[in-house]
Amino acid sequence: LAWYSLTTTLFQAVQSDVLLSDCKSFFHDAASFIQTFIGWTIEVGQSVAQISTKIPNPFIAGMVYWILLILIVGICVAGTGILAIPIEIKVIELYREKCWDVITLLMILTSAAVIIYFGEAIKKALSVNLLLLFVLLQGAYVGLRCYLESYLEKRNY
């Protein structure tokens, strides 16, 4: 039943023009953010690397410029990755620990089906990206579920 629900929901999603356009814009915005972040990182690296202009030898100045640029950009990108990976691991562990059951599967299928089938009506009422709405719904569900679980553990239920 879950497989049938999932496949019919996904087939309906493929036919939904509103959902497909929102998926495209969601991933386009994510790519634009990453490009902007990398652009800012390169600008910072170039600003720091301008120190090399004070070196009189042009060959050494060029080497220092590129070493500083690569060092700054590498530190920024690696730092972001080092911060993002433990956060992702923690979220996955939390999800497996607290929300890995049939209720969560039903919640995912139900929220996906509602967003897919009523996507046009939702877009008329709310000016929000449907894929972002789905992600926010799942985040709210996991947060509420974790809160209720910890609350019930304190009350010995």
Protein backbone atom coordinates (compact mmCIF):
# COMPACT_ATOMS: atom_id res chain seq x y z
CA LEU A 1 0.00 0.00 0.00
CA ALA A 2 2.85 2.38 0.85
CA TRP A 3 4.59 1.57 -2.45
CA TYR A 4 1.38 2.20 -4.39
CA SER A 5 0.78 5.47 -2.55
CA LEU A 6 4.32 6.59 -3.19
CA THR A 7 4.30 5.76 -6.89
CA THR A 8 0.92 7.33 -7.60
CA THR A 9 1.92 10.45 -5.67
CA LEU A 10 5.19 10.71 -7.59
CA PHE A 11 3.45 10.17 -10.93
CA GLN A 12 1.00 12.93 -10.04
CA ALA A 13 3.93 15.16 -9.04
CA VAL A 14 5.51 14.70 -12.45
CA GLN A 15 2.28 15.86 -14.07
CA SER A 16 1.91 18.92 -11.81
CA ASP A 17 3.27 21.99 -13.59
CA VAL A 18 3.13 24.07 -10.41
CA LEU A 19 5.21 21.59 -8.42
CA LEU A 20 7.73 21.12 -11.22
CA SER A 21 8.24 24.87 -11.59
CA ASP A 22 8.65 25.20 -7.82
CA CYS A 23 11.20 22.35 -7.78
CA LYS A 24 13.16 24.06 -10.55
CA SER A 25 13.11 27.40 -8.75
CA PHE A 26 14.05 25.75 -5.42
CA PHE A 27 17.15 24.11 -6.86
CA HIS A 28 17.97 27.21 -8.93
CA ASP A 29 17.85 29.33 -5.76
CA ALA A 30 20.03 26.81 -3.91
CA ALA A 31 22.58 26.88 -6.74
CA SER A 32 22.49 30.69 -6.79
CA PHE A 33 23.17 30.78 -3.04
CA ILE A 34 26.14 28.45 -3.42
CA GLN A 35 27.49 30.54 -6.31
CA THR A 36 27.06 33.72 -4.26
CA PHE A 37 28.84 32.15 -1.28
CA ILE A 38 31.73 31.01 -3.44
CA GLY A 39 31.87 34.47 -5.08
CA TRP A 40 32.08 36.15 -1.66
CA THR A 41 34.77 33.68 -0.61
CA ILE A 42 36.83 34.42 -3.73
CA GLU A 43 36.43 38.19 -3.16
CA VAL A 44 37.64 37.84 0.42
CA GLY A 45 40.54 35.70 -0.77
CA GLN A 46 41.47 38.27 -3.41
CA SER A 47 41.27 41.09 -0.85
CA VAL A 48 43.59 39.25 1.52
CA ALA A 49 45.89 38.26 -1.33
CA GLN A 50 46.37 41.95 -2.23
CA ILE A 51 49.02 41.96 0.48
CA SER A 52 51.29 40.47 -2.16
CA THR A 53 51.35 43.81 -4.04
CA LYS A 54 53.77 45.11 -1.41
CA ILE A 55 56.39 42.55 -2.46
CA PRO A 56 58.78 44.12 -5.00
CA ASN A 57 59.64 40.91 -6.89
CA PRO A 58 56.77 40.25 -9.34
CA PHE A 59 57.34 36.48 -9.48
CA ILE A 60 57.28 36.05 -5.71
CA ALA A 61 54.36 38.49 -5.45
CA GLY A 62 52.38 36.34 -7.92
CA MET A 63 53.17 33.18 -5.99
CA VAL A 64 52.19 34.76 -2.67
CA TYR A 65 48.97 36.09 -4.23
CA TRP A 66 47.88 32.67 -5.48
CA ILE A 67 48.97 30.85 -2.31
CA LEU A 68 47.00 33.28 -0.13
CA LEU A 69 43.98 33.13 -2.43
CA ILE A 70 43.92 29.32 -2.47
CA LEU A 71 44.53 29.19 1.28
CA ILE A 72 41.68 31.58 2.16
CA VAL A 73 39.18 30.02 -0.27
CA GLY A 74 40.17 26.53 0.87
CA ILE A 75 39.78 27.40 4.55
CA CYS A 76 36.35 28.99 3.97
CA VAL A 77 34.99 26.13 1.86
CA ALA A 78 36.49 23.43 4.09
CA GLY A 79 35.24 25.21 7.22
CA THR A 80 31.73 25.33 5.83
CA GLY A 81 31.88 21.65 4.95
CA ILE A 82 33.29 20.74 8.33
CA LEU A 83 30.43 22.61 10.02
CA ALA A 84 27.72 21.24 7.72
CA ILE A 85 28.65 17.55 7.91
CA PRO A 86 28.25 17.12 11.72
CA ILE A 87 24.96 19.02 11.59
CA GLU A 88 23.67 16.71 8.85
CA ILE A 89 24.86 13.63 10.74
CA LYS A 90 23.13 14.84 13.92
CA VAL A 91 19.86 15.47 12.06
CA ILE A 92 19.99 12.01 10.45
CA GLU A 93 20.70 10.37 13.83
CA LEU A 94 17.84 12.30 15.43
CA TYR A 95 15.51 11.30 12.62
CA ARG A 96 16.47 7.61 12.89
CA GLU A 97 16.28 7.65 16.67
CA LYS A 98 12.98 9.46 17.12
CA CYS A 99 11.07 9.27 13.84
CA TRP A 100 11.91 6.06 12.00
CA ASP A 101 8.49 4.37 11.94
CA VAL A 102 5.22 3.91 10.06
CA ILE A 103 3.72 7.12 11.44
CA THR A 104 6.52 9.14 9.85
CA LEU A 105 6.08 7.32 6.56
CA LEU A 106 2.37 8.14 6.61
CA MET A 107 3.15 11.77 7.46
CA ILE A 108 5.60 12.05 4.56
CA LEU A 109 3.16 10.46 2.10
CA THR A 110 0.21 12.51 3.33
CA SER A 111 2.00 15.85 3.28
CA ALA A 112 3.49 15.09 -0.15
CA ALA A 113 0.09 14.08 -1.52
CA VAL A 114 -1.61 17.20 -0.13
CA ILE A 115 1.08 19.47 -1.53
CA ILE A 116 1.02 17.75 -4.92
CA TYR A 117 -2.74 17.45 -5.38
CA PHE A 118 -3.61 20.87 -3.93
CA GLY A 119 -0.50 22.67 -5.16
CA GLU A 120 -2.32 25.23 -7.27
CA ALA A 121 -4.74 26.13 -4.47
CA ILE A 122 -1.87 26.39 -1.99
CA LYS A 123 0.04 28.68 -4.38
CA LYS A 124 -3.02 30.93 -4.69
CA ALA A 125 -3.43 31.17 -0.91
CA LEU A 126 0.27 31.29 0.06
CA SER A 127 3.11 32.69 -1.97
CA VAL A 128 5.56 29.96 -0.95
CA ASN A 129 7.64 27.43 -2.82
CA LEU A 130 5.91 24.05 -2.55
CA LEU A 131 9.13 22.08 -2.10
CA LEU A 132 10.23 24.49 0.63
CA LEU A 133 6.79 24.09 2.24
CA PHE A 134 7.25 20.31 2.22
CA VAL A 135 10.69 20.59 3.84
CA LEU A 136 9.34 23.02 6.46
CA LEU A 137 6.42 20.69 7.22
CA GLN A 138 8.80 17.79 7.74
CA GLY A 139 11.03 19.93 9.98
CA ALA A 140 8.03 21.02 12.06
CA TYR A 141 6.86 17.41 12.32
CA VAL A 142 10.26 16.16 13.49
CA GLY A 143 10.58 19.03 15.97
CA LEU A 144 7.10 18.44 17.39
CA ARG A 145 7.68 14.71 17.56
CA CYS A 146 10.98 15.11 19.43
CA TYR A 147 9.43 17.63 21.82
CA LEU A 148 6.48 15.36 22.59
CA GLU A 149 8.73 12.35 23.06
CA SER A 150 10.95 14.17 25.55
CA TYR A 151 7.88 15.63 27.31
CA LEU A 152 6.31 12.19 27.66
CA GLU A 153 9.58 10.68 28.91
CA LYS A 154 9.69 13.30 31.68
CA ARG A 155 6.10 12.42 32.64
CA ASN A 156 6.88 8.66 32.60
CA TYR A 157 4.36 7.77 29.87
